[in-house]
Amino acid sequence: MPTDALLVTIAVMTMFVVFAAALAWADRQTSGSRLDSDAKP
């Protein structure tokens, strides 16, 4: 695998990991109010 293709692959994978981490952080920030509203019948 050429070096430039390897660098592009690493960059794309890094972007996916950062995006997943941002989604997980946002979900954790908003999960408190969501869990409170789900607990009430």
Protein backbone atom coordinates (compact mmCIF):
# COMPACT_ATOMS: atom_id res chain seq x y z
CA MET A 1 0.00 0.00 0.00
CA PRO A 2 1.51 3.35 -1.00
CA THR A 3 2.25 5.84 1.75
CA ASP A 4 -0.27 8.43 0.56
CA ALA A 5 -3.10 5.89 0.54
CA LEU A 6 -2.14 4.81 4.04
CA LEU A 7 -2.21 8.41 5.25
CA VAL A 8 -5.62 9.01 3.69
CA THR A 9 -6.96 5.83 5.28
CA ILE A 10 -5.66 6.87 8.70
CA ALA A 11 -7.12 10.37 8.28
CA VAL A 12 -10.57 9.03 7.34
CA MET A 13 -10.58 6.55 10.21
CA THR A 14 -9.55 9.33 12.60
CA MET A 15 -12.43 11.51 11.40
CA PHE A 16 -14.90 8.66 12.03
CA VAL A 17 -13.52 8.11 15.53
CA VAL A 18 -13.72 11.83 16.35
CA PHE A 19 -17.29 11.98 15.03
CA ALA A 20 -18.29 8.93 17.08
CA ALA A 21 -16.71 10.45 20.18
CA ALA A 22 -18.59 13.72 19.60
CA LEU A 23 -21.88 11.83 19.24
CA ALA A 24 -21.21 9.83 22.41
CA TRP A 25 -20.35 13.03 24.31
CA ALA A 26 -23.51 14.78 23.08
CA ASP A 27 -25.62 11.75 23.96
CA ARG A 28 -24.12 11.67 27.46
CA GLN A 29 -24.81 15.39 27.89
CA THR A 30 -28.49 14.98 27.00
CA SER A 31 -29.17 11.53 28.48
CA GLY A 32 -29.96 12.85 31.97
CA SER A 33 -33.13 14.68 30.99
CA ARG A 34 -34.16 11.91 28.60
CA LEU A 35 -33.87 9.26 31.32
CA ASP A 36 -35.91 11.37 33.75
CA SER A 37 -38.74 11.77 31.26
CA ASP A 38 -38.73 8.05 30.39
CA ALA A 39 -38.95 7.02 34.05
CA LYS A 40 -42.26 8.80 34.62
CA PRO A 41 -45.33 6.78 33.53
